[in-house]
Amino acid sequence: MDKHNFLDDLQARINQVLANSPAKDIEKNVKSMMSQGFSKLDLVTREEFDVQTQVLARTRARLEALEAQVAELEARLKK
């Protein structure tokens, strides 16, 4: 589902809830709809994002070290 359709769907659901719900239930219903909408998206928590960023940084550093090692080995073979 693309973001534009998601937002249109979300707005329609909110409008429907506001029209059919007593005022005291609005917050509960909106939170429920927002949770449903967000569950359709591929979202991650900030903590998970930070962990994956650290994993990526370590992987990138390891890749650079391996690239340097391969370059060194190639240089030795050319001698």
PDB file of N, CA and C in Angstrom:
ATOM      1  N   MET A   1       0.855  -1.170   0.000  1.00  0.00           N
ATOM      2  CA  MET A   1       0.000   0.000   0.000  1.00  0.00           C
ATOM      3  C   MET A   1       0.904   1.237   0.000  1.00  0.00           C
ATOM      4  N   ASP A   2       0.690   2.149  -0.948  1.00  0.00           N
ATOM      5  CA  ASP A   2       1.526   3.339  -0.965  1.00  0.00           C
ATOM      6  C   ASP A   2       1.036   4.342   0.067  1.00  0.00           C
ATOM      7  N   LYS A   3       1.898   5.287   0.377  1.00  0.00           N
ATOM      8  CA  LYS A   3       1.612   6.229   1.471  1.00  0.00           C
ATOM      9  C   LYS A   3       0.391   7.097   1.193  1.00  0.00           C
ATOM     10  N   HIS A   4       0.189   7.484  -0.068  1.00  0.00           N
ATOM     11  CA  HIS A   4      -0.952   8.331  -0.402  1.00  0.00           C
ATOM     12  C   HIS A   4      -2.262   7.601  -0.124  1.00  0.00           C
ATOM     13  N   ASN A   5      -2.354   6.356  -0.590  1.00  0.00           N
ATOM     14  CA  ASN A   5      -3.565   5.562  -0.327  1.00  0.00           C
ATOM     15  C   ASN A   5      -3.749   5.313   1.157  1.00  0.00           C
ATOM     16  N   PHE A   6      -2.644   5.061   1.850  1.00  0.00           N
ATOM     17  CA  PHE A   6      -2.711   4.840   3.295  1.00  0.00           C
ATOM     18  C   PHE A   6      -3.296   6.057   3.996  1.00  0.00           C
ATOM     19  N   LEU A   7      -2.804   7.251   3.643  1.00  0.00           N
ATOM     20  CA  LEU A   7      -3.288   8.465   4.299  1.00  0.00           C
ATOM     21  C   LEU A   7      -4.752   8.739   3.955  1.00  0.00           C
ATOM     22  N   ASP A   8      -5.136   8.494   2.701  1.00  0.00           N
ATOM     23  CA  ASP A   8      -6.550   8.667   2.327  1.00  0.00           C
ATOM     24  C   ASP A   8      -7.435   7.697   3.096  1.00  0.00           C
ATOM     25  N   ASP A   9      -6.983   6.447   3.191  1.00  0.00           N
ATOM     26  CA  ASP A   9      -7.730   5.435   3.937  1.00  0.00           C
ATOM     27  C   ASP A   9      -7.836   5.818   5.407  1.00  0.00           C
ATOM     28  N   LEU A  10      -6.733   6.286   5.963  1.00  0.00           N
ATOM     29  CA  LEU A  10      -6.707   6.701   7.358  1.00  0.00           C
ATOM     30  C   LEU A  10      -7.674   7.861   7.602  1.00  0.00           C
ATOM     31  N   GLN A  11      -7.652   8.845   6.714  1.00  0.00           N
ATOM     32  CA  GLN A  11      -8.541   9.992   6.855  1.00  0.00           C
ATOM     33  C   GLN A  11     -10.003   9.554   6.768  1.00  0.00           C
ATOM     34  N   ALA A  12     -10.301   8.661   5.845  1.00  0.00           N
ATOM     35  CA  ALA A  12     -11.678   8.176   5.705  1.00  0.00           C
ATOM     36  C   ALA A  12     -12.126   7.450   6.965  1.00  0.00           C
ATOM     37  N   ARG A  13     -11.234   6.636   7.517  1.00  0.00           N
ATOM     38  CA  ARG A  13     -11.584   5.910   8.740  1.00  0.00           C
ATOM     39  C   ARG A  13     -11.791   6.867   9.908  1.00  0.00           C
ATOM     40  N   ILE A  14     -10.932   7.862  10.032  1.00  0.00           N
ATOM     41  CA  ILE A  14     -11.082   8.841  11.116  1.00  0.00           C
ATOM     42  C   ILE A  14     -12.406   9.573  10.968  1.00  0.00           C
ATOM     43  N   ASN A  15     -12.742   9.998   9.748  1.00  0.00           N
ATOM     44  CA  ASN A  15     -14.011  10.693   9.519  1.00  0.00           C
ATOM     45  C   ASN A  15     -15.198   9.798   9.871  1.00  0.00           C
ATOM     46  N   GLN A  16     -15.089   8.527   9.521  1.00  0.00           N
ATOM     47  CA  GLN A  16     -16.167   7.582   9.837  1.00  0.00           C
ATOM     48  C   GLN A  16     -16.312   7.411  11.347  1.00  0.00           C
ATOM     49  N   VAL A  17     -15.199   7.295  12.033  1.00  0.00           N
ATOM     50  CA  VAL A  17     -15.242   7.147  13.488  1.00  0.00           C
ATOM     51  C   VAL A  17     -15.850   8.386  14.133  1.00  0.00           C
ATOM     52  N   LEU A  18     -15.438   9.564  13.701  1.00  0.00           N
ATOM     53  CA  LEU A  18     -15.963  10.796  14.279  1.00  0.00           C
ATOM     54  C   LEU A  18     -17.464  10.926  14.046  1.00  0.00           C
ATOM     55  N   ALA A  19     -17.924  10.466  12.895  1.00  0.00           N
ATOM     56  CA  ALA A  19     -19.349  10.581  12.585  1.00  0.00           C
ATOM     57  C   ALA A  19     -20.191   9.574  13.362  1.00  0.00           C
ATOM     58  N   ASN A  20     -19.637   8.401  13.636  1.00  0.00           N
ATOM     59  CA  ASN A  20     -20.433   7.327  14.237  1.00  0.00           C
ATOM     60  C   ASN A  20     -20.132   7.054  15.707  1.00  0.00           C
ATOM     61  N   SER A  21     -19.257   7.813  16.318  1.00  0.00           N
ATOM     62  CA  SER A  21     -18.801   7.475  17.660  1.00  0.00           C
ATOM     63  C   SER A  21     -19.125   8.582  18.658  1.00  0.00           C
ATOM     64  N   PRO A  22     -19.445   8.207  19.868  1.00  0.00           N
ATOM     65  CA  PRO A  22     -19.601   9.227  20.915  1.00  0.00           C
ATOM     66  C   PRO A  22     -18.260   9.912  21.193  1.00  0.00           C
ATOM     67  N   ALA A  23     -18.309  11.110  21.660  1.00  0.00           N
ATOM     68  CA  ALA A  23     -17.097  11.907  21.863  1.00  0.00           C
ATOM     69  C   ALA A  23     -16.096  11.235  22.792  1.00  0.00           C
ATOM     70  N   LYS A  24     -16.551  10.517  23.800  1.00  0.00           N
ATOM     71  CA  LYS A  24     -15.618   9.909  24.756  1.00  0.00           C
ATOM     72  C   LYS A  24     -14.810   8.775  24.142  1.00  0.00           C
ATOM     73  N   ASP A  25     -15.274   8.187  23.030  1.00  0.00           N
ATOM     74  CA  ASP A  25     -14.580   7.076  22.387  1.00  0.00           C
ATOM     75  C   ASP A  25     -13.666   7.516  21.243  1.00  0.00           C
ATOM     76  N   ILE A  26     -13.668   8.787  20.907  1.00  0.00           N
ATOM     77  CA  ILE A  26     -12.891   9.263  19.756  1.00  0.00           C
ATOM     78  C   ILE A  26     -11.413   8.940  19.911  1.00  0.00           C
ATOM     79  N   GLU A  27     -10.829   9.291  21.028  1.00  0.00           N
ATOM     80  CA  GLU A  27      -9.390   9.065  21.210  1.00  0.00           C
ATOM     81  C   GLU A  27      -9.050   7.578  21.096  1.00  0.00           C
ATOM     82  N   LYS A  28      -9.845   6.746  21.738  1.00  0.00           N
ATOM     83  CA  LYS A  28      -9.591   5.299  21.691  1.00  0.00           C
ATOM     84  C   LYS A  28      -9.683   4.780  20.259  1.00  0.00           C
ATOM     85  N   ASN A  29     -10.693   5.223  19.538  1.00  0.00           N
ATOM     86  CA  ASN A  29     -10.878   4.767  18.159  1.00  0.00           C
ATOM     87  C   ASN A  29      -9.768   5.269  17.239  1.00  0.00           C
ATOM     88  N   VAL A  30      -9.368   6.499  17.392  1.00  0.00           N
ATOM     89  CA  VAL A  30      -8.293   7.045  16.552  1.00  0.00           C
ATOM     90  C   VAL A  30      -6.994   6.297  16.822  1.00  0.00           C
ATOM     91  N   LYS A  31      -6.694   6.040  18.083  1.00  0.00           N
ATOM     92  CA  LYS A  31      -5.476   5.295  18.414  1.00  0.00           C
ATOM     93  C   LYS A  31      -5.513   3.898  17.801  1.00  0.00           C
ATOM     94  N   SER A  32      -6.662   3.274  17.849  1.00  0.00           N
ATOM     95  CA  SER A  32      -6.807   1.940  17.273  1.00  0.00           C
ATOM     96  C   SER A  32      -6.597   1.973  15.765  1.00  0.00           C
ATOM     97  N   MET A  33      -7.186   2.940  15.111  1.00  0.00           N
ATOM     98  CA  MET A  33      -7.025   3.057  13.661  1.00  0.00           C
ATOM     99  C   MET A  33      -5.587   3.387  13.288  1.00  0.00           C
ATOM    100  N   MET A  34      -4.967   4.243  14.063  1.00  0.00           N
ATOM    101  CA  MET A  34      -3.565   4.591  13.789  1.00  0.00           C
ATOM    102  C   MET A  34      -2.688   3.356  13.945  1.00  0.00           C
ATOM    103  N   SER A  35      -2.941   2.571  14.962  1.00  0.00           N
ATOM    104  CA  SER A  35      -2.173   1.341  15.165  1.00  0.00           C
ATOM    105  C   SER A  35      -2.364   0.385  13.993  1.00  0.00           C
ATOM    106  N   GLN A  36      -3.583   0.248  13.535  1.00  0.00           N
ATOM    107  CA  GLN A  36      -3.853  -0.616  12.381  1.00  0.00           C
ATOM    108  C   GLN A  36      -3.137  -0.092  11.148  1.00  0.00           C
ATOM    109  N   GLY A  37      -3.193   1.204  10.933  1.00  0.00           N
ATOM    110  CA  GLY A  37      -2.537   1.795   9.766  1.00  0.00           C
ATOM    111  C   GLY A  37      -1.036   1.634   9.824  1.00  0.00           C
ATOM    112  N   PHE A  38      -0.459   1.883  10.983  1.00  0.00           N
ATOM    113  CA  PHE A  38       0.991   1.754  11.120  1.00  0.00           C
ATOM    114  C   PHE A  38       1.438   0.311  10.995  1.00  0.00           C
ATOM    115  N   SER A  39       0.588  -0.623  11.393  1.00  0.00           N
ATOM    116  CA  SER A  39       0.972  -2.031  11.281  1.00  0.00           C
ATOM    117  C   SER A  39       1.065  -2.464   9.817  1.00  0.00           C
ATOM    118  N   LYS A  40       0.398  -1.749   8.924  1.00  0.00           N
ATOM    119  CA  LYS A  40       0.475  -2.056   7.494  1.00  0.00           C
ATOM    120  C   LYS A  40       1.781  -1.550   6.879  1.00  0.00           C
ATOM    121  N   LEU A  41       2.417  -0.613   7.529  1.00  0.00           N
ATOM    122  CA  LEU A  41       3.668  -0.059   7.014  1.00  0.00           C
ATOM    123  C   LEU A  41       4.845  -0.857   7.556  1.00  0.00           C
ATOM    124  N   ASP A  42       5.947  -0.786   6.836  1.00  0.00           N
ATOM    125  CA  ASP A  42       7.167  -1.455   7.283  1.00  0.00           C
ATOM    126  C   ASP A  42       7.961  -0.498   8.183  1.00  0.00           C
ATOM    127  N   LEU A  43       7.475  -0.315   9.388  1.00  0.00           N
ATOM    128  CA  LEU A  43       8.118   0.595  10.328  1.00  0.00           C
ATOM    129  C   LEU A  43       8.914  -0.191  11.352  1.00  0.00           C
ATOM    130  N   VAL A  44       9.977   0.423  11.835  1.00  0.00           N
ATOM    131  CA  VAL A  44      10.774  -0.182  12.901  1.00  0.00           C
ATOM    132  C   VAL A  44      10.882   0.821  14.032  1.00  0.00           C
ATOM    133  N   THR A  45      11.193   0.311  15.206  1.00  0.00           N
ATOM    134  CA  THR A  45      11.376   1.217  16.340  1.00  0.00           C
ATOM    135  C   THR A  45      12.703   1.949  16.185  1.00  0.00           C
ATOM    136  N   ARG A  46      12.841   3.038  16.878  1.00  0.00           N
ATOM    137  CA  ARG A  46      14.092   3.795  16.836  1.00  0.00           C
ATOM    138  C   ARG A  46      15.233   2.936  17.357  1.00  0.00           C
ATOM    139  N   GLU A  47      14.964   2.150  18.393  1.00  0.00           N
ATOM    140  CA  GLU A  47      15.994   1.283  18.970  1.00  0.00           C
ATOM    141  C   GLU A  47      16.477   0.270  17.932  1.00  0.00           C
ATOM    142  N   GLU A  48      15.547  -0.357  17.226  1.00  0.00           N
ATOM    143  CA  GLU A  48      15.925  -1.328  16.202  1.00  0.00           C
ATOM    144  C   GLU A  48      16.709  -0.656  15.071  1.00  0.00           C
ATOM    145  N   PHE A  49      16.291   0.546  14.696  1.00  0.00           N
ATOM    146  CA  PHE A  49      17.007   1.299  13.672  1.00  0.00           C
ATOM    147  C   PHE A  49      18.436   1.592  14.105  1.00  0.00           C
ATOM    148  N   ASP A  50      18.603   2.033  15.353  1.00  0.00           N
ATOM    149  CA  ASP A  50      19.942   2.340  15.865  1.00  0.00           C
ATOM    150  C   ASP A  50      20.824   1.097  15.901  1.00  0.00           C
ATOM    151  N   VAL A  51      20.247  -0.036  16.297  1.00  0.00           N
ATOM    152  CA  VAL A  51      21.005  -1.286  16.331  1.00  0.00           C
ATOM    153  C   VAL A  51      21.456  -1.651  14.926  1.00  0.00           C
ATOM    154  N   GLN A  52      20.560  -1.555  13.964  1.00  0.00           N
ATOM    155  CA  GLN A  52      20.910  -1.901  12.592  1.00  0.00           C
ATOM    156  C   GLN A  52      21.935  -0.931  12.011  1.00  0.00           C
ATOM    157  N   THR A  53      21.889   0.325  12.415  1.00  0.00           N
ATOM    158  CA  THR A  53      22.886   1.301  11.980  1.00  0.00           C
ATOM    159  C   THR A  53      24.266   0.918  12.502  1.00  0.00           C
ATOM    160  N   GLN A  54      24.324   0.478  13.751  1.00  0.00           N
ATOM    161  CA  GLN A  54      25.602   0.037  14.326  1.00  0.00           C
ATOM    162  C   GLN A  54      26.112  -1.221  13.624  1.00  0.00           C
ATOM    163  N   VAL A  55      25.227  -2.149  13.333  1.00  0.00           N
ATOM    164  CA  VAL A  55      25.616  -3.369  12.619  1.00  0.00           C
ATOM    165  C   VAL A  55      26.166  -3.005  11.243  1.00  0.00           C
ATOM    166  N   LEU A  56      25.503  -2.094  10.566  1.00  0.00           N
ATOM    167  CA  LEU A  56      25.953  -1.663   9.250  1.00  0.00           C
ATOM    168  C   LEU A  56      27.319  -0.995   9.325  1.00  0.00           C
ATOM    169  N   ALA A  57      27.542  -0.163  10.334  1.00  0.00           N
ATOM    170  CA  ALA A  57      28.839   0.497  10.491  1.00  0.00           C
ATOM    171  C   ALA A  57      29.948  -0.527  10.716  1.00  0.00           C
ATOM    172  N   ARG A  58      29.696  -1.521  11.558  1.00  0.00           N
ATOM    173  CA  ARG A  58      30.694  -2.576  11.791  1.00  0.00           C
ATOM    174  C   ARG A  58      30.949  -3.386  10.520  1.00  0.00           C
ATOM    175  N   THR A  59      29.891  -3.680   9.802  1.00  0.00           N
ATOM    176  CA  THR A  59      30.027  -4.440   8.562  1.00  0.00           C
ATOM    177  C   THR A  59      30.816  -3.645   7.529  1.00  0.00           C
ATOM    178  N   ARG A  60      30.535  -2.368   7.429  1.00  0.00           N
ATOM    179  CA  ARG A  60      31.255  -1.514   6.487  1.00  0.00           C
ATOM    180  C   ARG A  60      32.740  -1.439   6.848  1.00  0.00           C
ATOM    181  N   ALA A  61      33.045  -1.319   8.136  1.00  0.00           N
ATOM    182  CA  ALA A  61      34.445  -1.277   8.573  1.00  0.00           C
ATOM    183  C   ALA A  61      35.143  -2.589   8.251  1.00  0.00           C
ATOM    184  N   ARG A  62      34.466  -3.696   8.481  1.00  0.00           N
ATOM    185  CA  ARG A  62      35.039  -5.014   8.175  1.00  0.00           C
ATOM    186  C   ARG A  62      35.260  -5.173   6.668  1.00  0.00           C
ATOM    187  N   LEU A  63      34.322  -4.719   5.876  1.00  0.00           N
ATOM    188  CA  LEU A  63      34.454  -4.776   4.423  1.00  0.00           C
ATOM    189  C   LEU A  63      35.662  -3.963   3.954  1.00  0.00           C
ATOM    190  N   GLU A  64      35.823  -2.773   4.495  1.00  0.00           N
ATOM    191  CA  GLU A  64      36.965  -1.940   4.122  1.00  0.00           C
ATOM    192  C   GLU A  64      38.281  -2.608   4.496  1.00  0.00           C
ATOM    193  N   ALA A  65      38.320  -3.261   5.664  1.00  0.00           N
ATOM    194  CA  ALA A  65      39.530  -3.975   6.084  1.00  0.00           C
ATOM    195  C   ALA A  65      39.812  -5.138   5.139  1.00  0.00           C
ATOM    196  N   LEU A  66      38.793  -5.865   4.762  1.00  0.00           N
ATOM    197  CA  LEU A  66      38.972  -6.982   3.841  1.00  0.00           C
ATOM    198  C   LEU A  66      39.393  -6.506   2.452  1.00  0.00           C
ATOM    199  N   GLU A  67      38.840  -5.386   2.004  1.00  0.00           N
ATOM    200  CA  GLU A  67      39.246  -4.828   0.715  1.00  0.00           C
ATOM    201  C   GLU A  67      40.720  -4.446   0.736  1.00  0.00           C
ATOM    202  N   ALA A  68      41.172  -3.851   1.826  1.00  0.00           N
ATOM    203  CA  ALA A  68      42.586  -3.492   1.954  1.00  0.00           C
ATOM    204  C   ALA A  68      43.453  -4.749   1.958  1.00  0.00           C
ATOM    205  N   GLN A  69      42.990  -5.776   2.627  1.00  0.00           N
ATOM    206  CA  GLN A  69      43.734  -7.038   2.692  1.00  0.00           C
ATOM    207  C   GLN A  69      43.830  -7.682   1.305  1.00  0.00           C
ATOM    208  N   VAL A  70      42.755  -7.670   0.561  1.00  0.00           N
ATOM    209  CA  VAL A  70      42.759  -8.226  -0.786  1.00  0.00           C
ATOM    210  C   VAL A  70      43.693  -7.417  -1.683  1.00  0.00           C
ATOM    211  N   ALA A  71      43.640  -6.106  -1.570  1.00  0.00           N
ATOM    212  CA  ALA A  71      44.529  -5.262  -2.375  1.00  0.00           C
ATOM    213  C   ALA A  71      45.991  -5.568  -2.051  1.00  0.00           C
ATOM    214  N   GLU A  72      46.288  -5.760  -0.774  1.00  0.00           N
ATOM    215  CA  GLU A  72      47.655  -6.092  -0.366  1.00  0.00           C
ATOM    216  C   GLU A  72      48.079  -7.444  -0.947  1.00  0.00           C
ATOM    217  N   LEU A  73      47.216  -8.437  -0.878  1.00  0.00           N
ATOM    218  CA  LEU A  73      47.524  -9.754  -1.428  1.00  0.00           C
ATOM    219  C   LEU A  73      47.701  -9.698  -2.950  1.00  0.00           C
ATOM    220  N   GLU A  74      46.880  -8.923  -3.617  1.00  0.00           N
ATOM    221  CA  GLU A  74      47.021  -8.766  -5.060  1.00  0.00           C
ATOM    222  C   GLU A  74      48.350  -8.114  -5.410  1.00  0.00           C
ATOM    223  N   ALA A  75      48.726  -7.127  -4.614  1.00  0.00           N
ATOM    224  CA  ALA A  75      50.002  -6.437  -4.854  1.00  0.00           C
ATOM    225  C   ALA A  75      51.169  -7.412  -4.658  1.00  0.00           C
ATOM    226  N   ARG A  76      51.077  -8.277  -3.689  1.00  0.00           N
ATOM    227  CA  ARG A  76      52.132  -9.282  -3.449  1.00  0.00           C
ATOM    228  C   ARG A  76      52.222 -10.250  -4.623  1.00  0.00           C
ATOM    229  N   LEU A  77      51.087 -10.638  -5.180  1.00  0.00           N
ATOM    230  CA  LEU A  77      51.083 -11.588  -6.289  1.00  0.00           C
ATOM    231  C   LEU A  77      51.689 -10.973  -7.556  1.00  0.00           C
ATOM    232  N   LYS A  78      51.559  -9.677  -7.719  1.00  0.00           N
ATOM    233  CA  LYS A  78      52.097  -9.006  -8.902  1.00  0.00           C
ATOM    234  C   LYS A  78      53.608  -8.886  -8.861  1.00  0.00           C
ATOM    235  N   LYS A  79      54.213  -9.027  -7.696  1.00  0.00           N
ATOM    236  CA  LYS A  79      55.665  -8.848  -7.554  1.00  0.00           C
ATOM    237  C   LYS A  79      56.408  -9.992  -8.106  1.00  0.00           C
TER     238      LYS A  79
END
